[in-house]
Amino acid sequence: MMDEENPYESPPHRDRPAGPMTVLRSVVIVFTLTAAGGLLGAIVGGALGAFLPSYYRGVFAGGNDPGFDPLAVGIGLGLTQGMVFGGVIGLIMVAISYWFHARPQNRRDADA
């Protein structure tokens, strides 16, 4: 039998999780998810306004006015709703991370 390393061997197991959540990391996560949610929401809202303008015309009382622009309404609503949704998801992710790293078995000083 040849003495070779197993190419299918699992990588070494890390005993402790990644470092605790910092304030800067938390802000970056929330900001990034807020921006991503806003961008995705603006795209979806703009697509609704462009391809299904009757949706926004039916939702708003003044939707049949000549100055009503369903594309602009879709982009605006999608942007704001997407930013709120992305921010909430970011805050939930940060809270879960703080909770995970606050548990005694995951603290770095618990090993000592």
PDB file of N, CA and C in Angstrom:
ATOM      1  N   MET A   1       0.842  -1.168   0.000  1.00  0.00           N
ATOM      2  CA  MET A   1       0.000   0.000   0.000  1.00  0.00           C
ATOM      3  C   MET A   1       0.892   1.239   0.000  1.00  0.00           C
ATOM      4  N   MET A   2       0.557   2.215  -0.826  1.00  0.00           N
ATOM      5  CA  MET A   2       1.355   3.420  -0.940  1.00  0.00           C
ATOM      6  C   MET A   2       0.998   4.377   0.197  1.00  0.00           C
ATOM      7  N   ASP A   3       2.000   5.107   0.648  1.00  0.00           N
ATOM      8  CA  ASP A   3       1.795   6.064   1.735  1.00  0.00           C
ATOM      9  C   ASP A   3       1.532   7.447   1.148  1.00  0.00           C
ATOM     10  N   GLU A   4       0.300   7.676   0.717  1.00  0.00           N
ATOM     11  CA  GLU A   4      -0.086   8.962   0.130  1.00  0.00           C
ATOM     12  C   GLU A   4      -1.181   9.600   0.969  1.00  0.00           C
ATOM     13  N   GLU A   5      -1.278  10.921   0.870  1.00  0.00           N
ATOM     14  CA  GLU A   5      -2.357  11.613   1.568  1.00  0.00           C
ATOM     15  C   GLU A   5      -3.672  11.361   0.856  1.00  0.00           C
ATOM     16  N   ASN A   6      -4.715  11.281   1.621  1.00  0.00           N
ATOM     17  CA  ASN A   6      -6.046  11.072   1.076  1.00  0.00           C
ATOM     18  C   ASN A   6      -6.555  12.394   0.497  1.00  0.00           C
ATOM     19  N   PRO A   7      -6.788  12.484  -0.824  1.00  0.00           N
ATOM     20  CA  PRO A   7      -7.262  13.739  -1.393  1.00  0.00           C
ATOM     21  C   PRO A   7      -8.699  14.061  -0.989  1.00  0.00           C
ATOM     22  N   TYR A   8      -9.402  13.088  -0.429  1.00  0.00           N
ATOM     23  CA  TYR A   8     -10.797  13.295  -0.045  1.00  0.00           C
ATOM     24  C   TYR A   8     -10.948  13.498   1.455  1.00  0.00           C
ATOM     25  N   GLU A   9      -9.859  13.700   2.143  1.00  0.00           N
ATOM     26  CA  GLU A   9      -9.908  13.880   3.585  1.00  0.00           C
ATOM     27  C   GLU A   9     -10.520  15.240   3.924  1.00  0.00           C
ATOM     28  N   SER A  10     -11.313  15.278   4.962  1.00  0.00           N
ATOM     29  CA  SER A  10     -11.958  16.516   5.388  1.00  0.00           C
ATOM     30  C   SER A  10     -10.908  17.494   5.901  1.00  0.00           C
ATOM     31  N   PRO A  11     -11.159  18.774   5.719  1.00  0.00           N
ATOM     32  CA  PRO A  11     -10.227  19.757   6.267  1.00  0.00           C
ATOM     33  C   PRO A  11     -10.248  19.705   7.788  1.00  0.00           C
ATOM     34  N   PRO A  12      -9.202  20.196   8.435  1.00  0.00           N
ATOM     35  CA  PRO A  12      -9.177  20.154   9.904  1.00  0.00           C
ATOM     36  C   PRO A  12     -10.325  20.960  10.491  1.00  0.00           C
ATOM     37  N   HIS A  13     -10.888  20.455  11.567  1.00  0.00           N
ATOM     38  CA  HIS A  13     -12.039  21.082  12.209  1.00  0.00           C
ATOM     39  C   HIS A  13     -11.575  22.250  13.073  1.00  0.00           C
ATOM     40  N   ARG A  14     -12.285  23.368  12.947  1.00  0.00           N
ATOM     41  CA  ARG A  14     -11.998  24.511  13.808  1.00  0.00           C
ATOM     42  C   ARG A  14     -12.749  24.323  15.113  1.00  0.00           C
ATOM     43  N   ASP A  15     -12.050  24.494  16.214  1.00  0.00           N
ATOM     44  CA  ASP A  15     -12.670  24.272  17.519  1.00  0.00           C
ATOM     45  C   ASP A  15     -13.613  25.395  17.934  1.00  0.00           C
ATOM     46  N   ARG A  16     -13.334  26.599  17.486  1.00  0.00           N
ATOM     47  CA  ARG A  16     -14.189  27.712  17.887  1.00  0.00           C
ATOM     48  C   ARG A  16     -14.680  28.464  16.658  1.00  0.00           C
ATOM     49  N   PRO A  17     -15.824  29.102  16.790  1.00  0.00           N
ATOM     50  CA  PRO A  17     -16.375  29.847  15.657  1.00  0.00           C
ATOM     51  C   PRO A  17     -15.563  31.100  15.372  1.00  0.00           C
ATOM     52  N   ALA A  18     -15.910  31.768  14.292  1.00  0.00           N
ATOM     53  CA  ALA A  18     -15.240  33.020  13.936  1.00  0.00           C
ATOM     54  C   ALA A  18     -15.391  34.028  15.070  1.00  0.00           C
ATOM     55  N   GLY A  19     -14.555  35.046  15.048  1.00  0.00           N
ATOM     56  CA  GLY A  19     -14.536  36.044  16.112  1.00  0.00           C
ATOM     57  C   GLY A  19     -15.885  36.701  16.339  1.00  0.00           C
ATOM     58  N   PRO A  20     -16.010  37.354  17.487  1.00  0.00           N
ATOM     59  CA  PRO A  20     -17.296  37.977  17.810  1.00  0.00           C
ATOM     60  C   PRO A  20     -17.629  39.122  16.862  1.00  0.00           C
ATOM     61  N   MET A  21     -18.894  39.437  16.825  1.00  0.00           N
ATOM     62  CA  MET A  21     -19.391  40.511  15.970  1.00  0.00           C
ATOM     63  C   MET A  21     -18.906  41.851  16.523  1.00  0.00           C
ATOM     64  N   THR A  22     -18.319  42.658  15.663  1.00  0.00           N
ATOM     65  CA  THR A  22     -17.908  43.999  16.063  1.00  0.00           C
ATOM     66  C   THR A  22     -18.959  44.997  15.603  1.00  0.00           C
ATOM     67  N   VAL A  23     -18.880  46.213  16.136  1.00  0.00           N
ATOM     68  CA  VAL A  23     -19.840  47.236  15.757  1.00  0.00           C
ATOM     69  C   VAL A  23     -19.681  47.573  14.276  1.00  0.00           C
ATOM     70  N   LEU A  24     -18.441  47.677  13.809  1.00  0.00           N
ATOM     71  CA  LEU A  24     -18.209  47.989  12.395  1.00  0.00           C
ATOM     72  C   LEU A  24     -18.772  46.890  11.498  1.00  0.00           C
ATOM     73  N   ARG A  25     -18.542  45.634  11.860  1.00  0.00           N
ATOM     74  CA  ARG A  25     -19.075  44.523  11.072  1.00  0.00           C
ATOM     75  C   ARG A  25     -20.600  44.553  11.064  1.00  0.00           C
ATOM     76  N   SER A  26     -21.196  44.902  12.191  1.00  0.00           N
ATOM     77  CA  SER A  26     -22.656  44.986  12.273  1.00  0.00           C
ATOM     78  C   SER A  26     -23.194  46.076  11.354  1.00  0.00           C
ATOM     79  N   VAL A  27     -22.552  47.234  11.386  1.00  0.00           N
ATOM     80  CA  VAL A  27     -22.996  48.346  10.544  1.00  0.00           C
ATOM     81  C   VAL A  27     -22.850  47.996   9.074  1.00  0.00           C
ATOM     82  N   VAL A  28     -21.746  47.351   8.723  1.00  0.00           N
ATOM     83  CA  VAL A  28     -21.520  46.971   7.324  1.00  0.00           C
ATOM     84  C   VAL A  28     -22.576  45.964   6.867  1.00  0.00           C
ATOM     85  N   ILE A  29     -22.902  45.002   7.702  1.00  0.00           N
ATOM     86  CA  ILE A  29     -23.906  43.997   7.338  1.00  0.00           C
ATOM     87  C   ILE A  29     -25.264  44.657   7.132  1.00  0.00           C
ATOM     88  N   VAL A  30     -25.687  45.492   8.087  1.00  0.00           N
ATOM     89  CA  VAL A  30     -27.002  46.132   7.975  1.00  0.00           C
ATOM     90  C   VAL A  30     -27.037  47.064   6.763  1.00  0.00           C
ATOM     91  N   PHE A  31     -25.990  47.861   6.564  1.00  0.00           N
ATOM     92  CA  PHE A  31     -25.956  48.787   5.435  1.00  0.00           C
ATOM     93  C   PHE A  31     -25.970  48.043   4.109  1.00  0.00           C
ATOM     94  N   THR A  32     -25.178  46.987   4.009  1.00  0.00           N
ATOM     95  CA  THR A  32     -25.110  46.225   2.759  1.00  0.00           C
ATOM     96  C   THR A  32     -26.448  45.581   2.432  1.00  0.00           C
ATOM     97  N   LEU A  33     -27.085  44.977   3.419  1.00  0.00           N
ATOM     98  CA  LEU A  33     -28.373  44.339   3.159  1.00  0.00           C
ATOM     99  C   LEU A  33     -29.474  45.373   2.891  1.00  0.00           C
ATOM    100  N   THR A  34     -29.376  46.535   3.511  1.00  0.00           N
ATOM    101  CA  THR A  34     -30.334  47.601   3.224  1.00  0.00           C
ATOM    102  C   THR A  34     -30.196  48.079   1.785  1.00  0.00           C
ATOM    103  N   ALA A  35     -28.945  48.291   1.350  1.00  0.00           N
ATOM    104  CA  ALA A  35     -28.707  48.734  -0.026  1.00  0.00           C
ATOM    105  C   ALA A  35     -29.113  47.656  -1.030  1.00  0.00           C
ATOM    106  N   ALA A  36     -28.782  46.405  -0.728  1.00  0.00           N
ATOM    107  CA  ALA A  36     -29.148  45.314  -1.640  1.00  0.00           C
ATOM    108  C   ALA A  36     -30.665  45.161  -1.715  1.00  0.00           C
ATOM    109  N   GLY A  37     -31.342  45.267  -0.583  1.00  0.00           N
ATOM    110  CA  GLY A  37     -32.803  45.188  -0.582  1.00  0.00           C
ATOM    111  C   GLY A  37     -33.430  46.330  -1.360  1.00  0.00           C
ATOM    112  N   GLY A  38     -32.880  47.528  -1.206  1.00  0.00           N
ATOM    113  CA  GLY A  38     -33.392  48.676  -1.957  1.00  0.00           C
ATOM    114  C   GLY A  38     -33.201  48.507  -3.450  1.00  0.00           C
ATOM    115  N   LEU A  39     -32.033  48.033  -3.847  1.00  0.00           N
ATOM    116  CA  LEU A  39     -31.767  47.818  -5.267  1.00  0.00           C
ATOM    117  C   LEU A  39     -32.688  46.749  -5.849  1.00  0.00           C
ATOM    118  N   LEU A  40     -32.799  45.644  -5.151  1.00  0.00           N
ATOM    119  CA  LEU A  40     -33.673  44.566  -5.627  1.00  0.00           C
ATOM    120  C   LEU A  40     -35.134  45.022  -5.663  1.00  0.00           C
ATOM    121  N   GLY A  41     -35.560  45.759  -4.636  1.00  0.00           N
ATOM    122  CA  GLY A  41     -36.929  46.263  -4.605  1.00  0.00           C
ATOM    123  C   GLY A  41     -37.203  47.244  -5.728  1.00  0.00           C
ATOM    124  N   ALA A  42     -36.232  48.125  -6.018  1.00  0.00           N
ATOM    125  CA  ALA A  42     -36.416  49.079  -7.118  1.00  0.00           C
ATOM    126  C   ALA A  42     -36.514  48.360  -8.454  1.00  0.00           C
ATOM    127  N   ILE A  43     -35.726  47.307  -8.625  1.00  0.00           N
ATOM    128  CA  ILE A  43     -35.790  46.537  -9.872  1.00  0.00           C
ATOM    129  C   ILE A  43     -37.146  45.854 -10.021  1.00  0.00           C
ATOM    130  N   VAL A  44     -37.596  45.208  -8.951  1.00  0.00           N
ATOM    131  CA  VAL A  44     -38.887  44.504  -9.011  1.00  0.00           C
ATOM    132  C   VAL A  44     -40.036  45.503  -9.175  1.00  0.00           C
ATOM    133  N   GLY A  45     -40.004  46.601  -8.410  1.00  0.00           N
ATOM    134  CA  GLY A  45     -41.051  47.611  -8.521  1.00  0.00           C
ATOM    135  C   GLY A  45     -41.057  48.278  -9.889  1.00  0.00           C
ATOM    136  N   GLY A  46     -39.875  48.549 -10.435  1.00  0.00           N
ATOM    137  CA  GLY A  46     -39.785  49.120 -11.775  1.00  0.00           C
ATOM    138  C   GLY A  46     -40.303  48.170 -12.833  1.00  0.00           C
ATOM    139  N   ALA A  47     -40.008  46.888 -12.663  1.00  0.00           N
ATOM    140  CA  ALA A  47     -40.518  45.900 -13.617  1.00  0.00           C
ATOM    141  C   ALA A  47     -42.039  45.817 -13.550  1.00  0.00           C
ATOM    142  N   LEU A  48     -42.581  45.867 -12.332  1.00  0.00           N
ATOM    143  CA  LEU A  48     -44.040  45.877 -12.207  1.00  0.00           C
ATOM    144  C   LEU A  48     -44.646  47.113 -12.858  1.00  0.00           C
ATOM    145  N   GLY A  49     -44.017  48.262 -12.633  1.00  0.00           N
ATOM    146  CA  GLY A  49     -44.528  49.497 -13.220  1.00  0.00           C
ATOM    147  C   GLY A  49     -44.412  49.521 -14.735  1.00  0.00           C
ATOM    148  N   ALA A  50     -43.386  48.874 -15.277  1.00  0.00           N
ATOM    149  CA  ALA A  50     -43.177  48.876 -16.725  1.00  0.00           C
ATOM    150  C   ALA A  50     -44.041  47.832 -17.432  1.00  0.00           C
ATOM    151  N   PHE A  51     -44.122  46.641 -16.861  1.00  0.00           N
ATOM    152  CA  PHE A  51     -44.805  45.546 -17.553  1.00  0.00           C
ATOM    153  C   PHE A  51     -46.250  45.334 -17.111  1.00  0.00           C
ATOM    154  N   LEU A  52     -46.581  45.761 -15.895  1.00  0.00           N
ATOM    155  CA  LEU A  52     -47.961  45.638 -15.401  1.00  0.00           C
ATOM    156  C   LEU A  52     -48.417  46.960 -14.796  1.00  0.00           C
ATOM    157  N   PRO A  53     -48.471  48.025 -15.583  1.00  0.00           N
ATOM    158  CA  PRO A  53     -48.844  49.332 -15.016  1.00  0.00           C
ATOM    159  C   PRO A  53     -50.258  49.354 -14.449  1.00  0.00           C
ATOM    160  N   SER A  54     -51.093  48.443 -14.882  1.00  0.00           N
ATOM    161  CA  SER A  54     -52.463  48.424 -14.363  1.00  0.00           C
ATOM    162  C   SER A  54     -52.488  48.048 -12.875  1.00  0.00           C
ATOM    163  N   TYR A  55     -51.462  47.382 -12.395  1.00  0.00           N
ATOM    164  CA  TYR A  55     -51.408  47.040 -10.965  1.00  0.00           C
ATOM    165  C   TYR A  55     -51.372  48.320 -10.125  1.00  0.00           C
ATOM    166  N   TYR A  56     -50.426  49.196 -10.423  1.00  0.00           N
ATOM    167  CA  TYR A  56     -50.323  50.439  -9.653  1.00  0.00           C
ATOM    168  C   TYR A  56     -51.497  51.373  -9.934  1.00  0.00           C
ATOM    169  N   ARG A  57     -52.016  51.345 -11.133  1.00  0.00           N
ATOM    170  CA  ARG A  57     -53.185  52.172 -11.440  1.00  0.00           C
ATOM    171  C   ARG A  57     -54.400  51.716 -10.637  1.00  0.00           C
ATOM    172  N   GLY A  58     -54.500  50.434 -10.385  1.00  0.00           N
ATOM    173  CA  GLY A  58     -55.617  49.906  -9.602  1.00  0.00           C
ATOM    174  C   GLY A  58     -55.434  50.075  -8.104  1.00  0.00           C
ATOM    175  N   VAL A  59     -54.194  50.127  -7.642  1.00  0.00           N
ATOM    176  CA  VAL A  59     -53.936  50.235  -6.210  1.00  0.00           C
ATOM    177  C   VAL A  59     -54.162  51.658  -5.708  1.00  0.00           C
ATOM    178  N   PHE A  60     -53.773  52.638  -6.493  1.00  0.00           N
ATOM    179  CA  PHE A  60     -53.872  54.032  -6.069  1.00  0.00           C
ATOM    180  C   PHE A  60     -55.140  54.678  -6.622  1.00  0.00           C
ATOM    181  N   ALA A  61     -55.764  55.523  -5.793  1.00  0.00           N
ATOM    182  CA  ALA A  61     -57.018  56.177  -6.187  1.00  0.00           C
ATOM    183  C   ALA A  61     -56.812  57.072  -7.411  1.00  0.00           C
ATOM    184  N   GLY A  62     -55.685  57.753  -7.507  1.00  0.00           N
ATOM    185  CA  GLY A  62     -55.431  58.638  -8.635  1.00  0.00           C
ATOM    186  C   GLY A  62     -54.673  57.961  -9.753  1.00  0.00           C
ATOM    187  N   GLY A  63     -54.773  56.661  -9.842  1.00  0.00           N
ATOM    188  CA  GLY A  63     -54.012  55.908 -10.840  1.00  0.00           C
ATOM    189  C   GLY A  63     -54.416  56.163 -12.269  1.00  0.00           C
ATOM    190  N   ASN A  64     -55.627  56.646 -12.503  1.00  0.00           N
ATOM    191  CA  ASN A  64     -56.078  56.900 -13.871  1.00  0.00           C
ATOM    192  C   ASN A  64     -55.854  58.338 -14.315  1.00  0.00           C
ATOM    193  N   ASP A  65     -55.281  59.175 -13.431  1.00  0.00           N
ATOM    194  CA  ASP A  65     -54.953  60.558 -13.814  1.00  0.00           C
ATOM    195  C   ASP A  65     -53.874  60.547 -14.891  1.00  0.00           C
ATOM    196  N   PRO A  66     -53.884  61.517 -15.797  1.00  0.00           N
ATOM    197  CA  PRO A  66     -52.892  61.531 -16.875  1.00  0.00           C
ATOM    198  C   PRO A  66     -51.458  61.732 -16.381  1.00  0.00           C
ATOM    199  N   GLY A  67     -51.258  62.367 -15.240  1.00  0.00           N
ATOM    200  CA  GLY A  67     -49.911  62.603 -14.732  1.00  0.00           C
ATOM    201  C   GLY A  67     -49.354  61.457 -13.903  1.00  0.00           C
ATOM    202  N   PHE A  68     -50.129  60.399 -13.727  1.00  0.00           N
ATOM    203  CA  PHE A  68     -49.691  59.255 -12.920  1.00  0.00           C
ATOM    204  C   PHE A  68     -48.666  58.436 -13.700  1.00  0.00           C
ATOM    205  N   ASP A  69     -47.500  58.213 -13.113  1.00  0.00           N
ATOM    206  CA  ASP A  69     -46.430  57.455 -13.770  1.00  0.00           C
ATOM    207  C   ASP A  69     -46.209  56.145 -13.005  1.00  0.00           C
ATOM    208  N   PRO A  70     -46.737  55.026 -13.496  1.00  0.00           N
ATOM    209  CA  PRO A  70     -46.601  53.764 -12.766  1.00  0.00           C
ATOM    210  C   PRO A  70     -45.156  53.296 -12.630  1.00  0.00           C
ATOM    211  N   LEU A  71     -44.304  53.631 -13.583  1.00  0.00           N
ATOM    212  CA  LEU A  71     -42.901  53.228 -13.488  1.00  0.00           C
ATOM    213  C   LEU A  71     -42.226  53.926 -12.307  1.00  0.00           C
ATOM    214  N   ALA A  72     -42.424  55.237 -12.187  1.00  0.00           N
ATOM    215  CA  ALA A  72     -41.822  55.982 -11.082  1.00  0.00           C
ATOM    216  C   ALA A  72     -42.388  55.530  -9.738  1.00  0.00           C
ATOM    217  N   VAL A  73     -43.683  55.279  -9.695  1.00  0.00           N
ATOM    218  CA  VAL A  73     -44.301  54.799  -8.466  1.00  0.00           C
ATOM    219  C   VAL A  73     -43.727  53.433  -8.085  1.00  0.00           C
ATOM    220  N   GLY A  74     -43.583  52.555  -9.058  1.00  0.00           N
ATOM    221  CA  GLY A  74     -43.028  51.227  -8.798  1.00  0.00           C
ATOM    222  C   GLY A  74     -41.596  51.280  -8.293  1.00  0.00           C
ATOM    223  N   ILE A  75     -40.786  52.119  -8.912  1.00  0.00           N
ATOM    224  CA  ILE A  75     -39.397  52.235  -8.467  1.00  0.00           C
ATOM    225  C   ILE A  75     -39.338  52.812  -7.058  1.00  0.00           C
ATOM    226  N   GLY A  76     -40.125  53.837  -6.800  1.00  0.00           N
ATOM    227  CA  GLY A  76     -40.122  54.459  -5.474  1.00  0.00           C
ATOM    228  C   GLY A  76     -40.609  53.529  -4.382  1.00  0.00           C
ATOM    229  N   LEU A  77     -41.721  52.866  -4.635  1.00  0.00           N
ATOM    230  CA  LEU A  77     -42.237  51.928  -3.633  1.00  0.00           C
ATOM    231  C   LEU A  77     -41.310  50.732  -3.448  1.00  0.00           C
ATOM    232  N   GLY A  78     -40.796  50.207  -4.543  1.00  0.00           N
ATOM    233  CA  GLY A  78     -39.884  49.073  -4.441  1.00  0.00           C
ATOM    234  C   GLY A  78     -38.614  49.432  -3.685  1.00  0.00           C
ATOM    235  N   LEU A  79     -38.095  50.616  -3.949  1.00  0.00           N
ATOM    236  CA  LEU A  79     -36.882  51.064  -3.272  1.00  0.00           C
ATOM    237  C   LEU A  79     -37.107  51.185  -1.770  1.00  0.00           C
ATOM    238  N   THR A  80     -38.160  51.865  -1.378  1.00  0.00           N
ATOM    239  CA  THR A  80     -38.386  52.072   0.052  1.00  0.00           C
ATOM    240  C   THR A  80     -38.750  50.767   0.767  1.00  0.00           C
ATOM    241  N   GLN A  81     -39.620  49.971   0.171  1.00  0.00           N
ATOM    242  CA  GLN A  81     -39.993  48.715   0.814  1.00  0.00           C
ATOM    243  C   GLN A  81     -38.826  47.737   0.850  1.00  0.00           C
ATOM    244  N   GLY A  82     -38.023  47.717  -0.210  1.00  0.00           N
ATOM    245  CA  GLY A  82     -36.852  46.845  -0.232  1.00  0.00           C
ATOM    246  C   GLY A  82     -35.812  47.257   0.792  1.00  0.00           C
ATOM    247  N   MET A  83     -35.633  48.566   0.976  1.00  0.00           N
ATOM    248  CA  MET A  83     -34.675  49.030   1.982  1.00  0.00           C
ATOM    249  C   MET A  83     -35.136  48.664   3.390  1.00  0.00           C
ATOM    250  N   VAL A  84     -36.413  48.810   3.662  1.00  0.00           N
ATOM    251  CA  VAL A  84     -36.928  48.440   4.979  1.00  0.00           C
ATOM    252  C   VAL A  84     -36.756  46.938   5.202  1.00  0.00           C
ATOM    253  N   PHE A  85     -37.125  46.142   4.222  1.00  0.00           N
ATOM    254  CA  PHE A  85     -37.005  44.688   4.348  1.00  0.00           C
ATOM    255  C   PHE A  85     -35.542  44.279   4.513  1.00  0.00           C
ATOM    256  N   GLY A  86     -34.643  44.834   3.703  1.00  0.00           N
ATOM    257  CA  GLY A  86     -33.225  44.503   3.806  1.00  0.00           C
ATOM    258  C   GLY A  86     -32.639  44.920   5.140  1.00  0.00           C
ATOM    259  N   GLY A  87     -33.042  46.095   5.635  1.00  0.00           N
ATOM    260  CA  GLY A  87     -32.557  46.540   6.941  1.00  0.00           C
ATOM    261  C   GLY A  87     -33.031  45.640   8.070  1.00  0.00           C
ATOM    262  N   VAL A  88     -34.274  45.224   8.008  1.00  0.00           N
ATOM    263  CA  VAL A  88     -34.801  44.325   9.042  1.00  0.00           C
ATOM    264  C   VAL A  88     -34.069  42.979   8.994  1.00  0.00           C
ATOM    265  N   ILE A  89     -33.847  42.447   7.805  1.00  0.00           N
ATOM    266  CA  ILE A  89     -33.106  41.186   7.683  1.00  0.00           C
ATOM    267  C   ILE A  89     -31.689  41.351   8.216  1.00  0.00           C
ATOM    268  N   GLY A  90     -31.040  42.489   7.918  1.00  0.00           N
ATOM    269  CA  GLY A  90     -29.702  42.744   8.435  1.00  0.00           C
ATOM    270  C   GLY A  90     -29.675  42.809   9.949  1.00  0.00           C
ATOM    271  N   LEU A  91     -30.648  43.488  10.547  1.00  0.00           N
ATOM    272  CA  LEU A  91     -30.713  43.563  12.003  1.00  0.00           C
ATOM    273  C   LEU A  91     -30.952  42.195  12.629  1.00  0.00           C
ATOM    274  N   ILE A  92     -31.786  41.389  11.996  1.00  0.00           N
ATOM    275  CA  ILE A  92     -32.022  40.031  12.502  1.00  0.00           C
ATOM    276  C   ILE A  92     -30.742  39.210  12.428  1.00  0.00           C
ATOM    277  N   MET A  93     -30.012  39.326  11.324  1.00  0.00           N
ATOM    278  CA  MET A  93     -28.758  38.567  11.195  1.00  0.00           C
ATOM    279  C   MET A  93     -27.733  38.998  12.242  1.00  0.00           C
ATOM    280  N   VAL A  94     -27.635  40.297  12.492  1.00  0.00           N
ATOM    281  CA  VAL A  94     -26.699  40.794  13.503  1.00  0.00           C
ATOM    282  C   VAL A  94     -27.121  40.319  14.885  1.00  0.00           C
ATOM    283  N   ALA A  95     -28.402  40.365  15.186  1.00  0.00           N
ATOM    284  CA  ALA A  95     -28.885  39.914  16.493  1.00  0.00           C
ATOM    285  C   ALA A  95     -28.599  38.434  16.697  1.00  0.00           C
ATOM    286  N   ILE A  96     -28.804  37.621  15.675  1.00  0.00           N
ATOM    287  CA  ILE A  96     -28.515  36.186  15.787  1.00  0.00           C
ATOM    288  C   ILE A  96     -27.027  35.964  16.003  1.00  0.00           C
ATOM    289  N   SER A  97     -26.203  36.727  15.306  1.00  0.00           N
ATOM    290  CA  SER A  97     -24.758  36.576  15.471  1.00  0.00           C
ATOM    291  C   SER A  97     -24.318  36.980  16.876  1.00  0.00           C
ATOM    292  N   TYR A  98     -24.842  38.104  17.388  1.00  0.00           N
ATOM    293  CA  TYR A  98     -24.519  38.502  18.753  1.00  0.00           C
ATOM    294  C   TYR A  98     -24.959  37.432  19.746  1.00  0.00           C
ATOM    295  N   TRP A  99     -26.153  36.906  19.556  1.00  0.00           N
ATOM    296  CA  TRP A  99     -26.648  35.867  20.450  1.00  0.00           C
ATOM    297  C   TRP A  99     -25.760  34.627  20.388  1.00  0.00           C
ATOM    298  N   PHE A 100     -25.365  34.227  19.183  1.00  0.00           N
ATOM    299  CA  PHE A 100     -24.542  33.033  19.022  1.00  0.00           C
ATOM    300  C   PHE A 100     -23.205  33.194  19.735  1.00  0.00           C
ATOM    301  N   HIS A 101     -22.583  34.354  19.583  1.00  0.00           N
ATOM    302  CA  HIS A 101     -21.269  34.562  20.193  1.00  0.00           C
ATOM    303  C   HIS A 101     -21.361  34.873  21.681  1.00  0.00           C
ATOM    304  N   ALA A 102     -22.528  35.184  22.193  1.00  0.00           N
ATOM    305  CA  ALA A 102     -22.692  35.469  23.613  1.00  0.00           C
ATOM    306  C   ALA A 102     -22.916  34.204  24.430  1.00  0.00           C
ATOM    307  N   ARG A 103     -23.241  33.102  23.780  1.00  0.00           N
ATOM    308  CA  ARG A 103     -23.460  31.860  24.509  1.00  0.00           C
ATOM    309  C   ARG A 103     -22.147  31.402  25.137  1.00  0.00           C
ATOM    310  N   PRO A 104     -22.190  30.856  26.342  1.00  0.00           N
ATOM    311  CA  PRO A 104     -20.955  30.496  27.050  1.00  0.00           C
ATOM    312  C   PRO A 104     -20.063  29.505  26.292  1.00  0.00           C
ATOM    313  N   GLN A 105     -20.633  28.537  25.615  1.00  0.00           N
ATOM    314  CA  GLN A 105     -19.803  27.547  24.937  1.00  0.00           C
ATOM    315  C   GLN A 105     -19.111  28.110  23.705  1.00  0.00           C
ATOM    316  N   ASN A 106     -19.487  29.308  23.250  1.00  0.00           N
ATOM    317  CA  ASN A 106     -18.858  29.907  22.090  1.00  0.00           C
ATOM    318  C   ASN A 106     -17.948  31.083  22.415  1.00  0.00           C
ATOM    319  N   ARG A 107     -17.843  31.442  23.674  1.00  0.00           N
ATOM    320  CA  ARG A 107     -16.948  32.537  24.061  1.00  0.00           C
ATOM    321  C   ARG A 107     -15.502  32.079  23.989  1.00  0.00           C
ATOM    322  N   ARG A 108     -14.632  32.963  23.569  1.00  0.00           N
ATOM    323  CA  ARG A 108     -13.212  32.604  23.461  1.00  0.00           C
ATOM    324  C   ARG A 108     -12.608  32.373  24.846  1.00  0.00           C
ATOM    325  N   ASP A 109     -13.079  33.123  25.850  1.00  0.00           N
ATOM    326  CA  ASP A 109     -12.485  32.975  27.175  1.00  0.00           C
ATOM    327  C   ASP A 109     -13.027  31.738  27.896  1.00  0.00           C
ATOM    328  N   ALA A 110     -14.011  31.064  27.331  1.00  0.00           N
ATOM    329  CA  ALA A 110     -14.536  29.842  27.960  1.00  0.00           C
ATOM    330  C   ALA A 110     -13.572  28.677  27.822  1.00  0.00           C
ATOM    331  N   ASP A 111     -12.640  28.752  26.858  1.00  0.00           N
ATOM    332  CA  ASP A 111     -11.683  27.681  26.654  1.00  0.00           C
ATOM    333  C   ASP A 111     -10.643  27.643  27.774  1.00  0.00           C
ATOM    334  N   ALA A 112     -10.397  28.776  28.400  1.00  0.00           N
ATOM    335  CA  ALA A 112      -9.328  28.848  29.416  1.00  0.00           C
ATOM    336  C   ALA A 112      -9.748  28.263  30.723  1.00  0.00           C
TER     337      ALA A 112
END
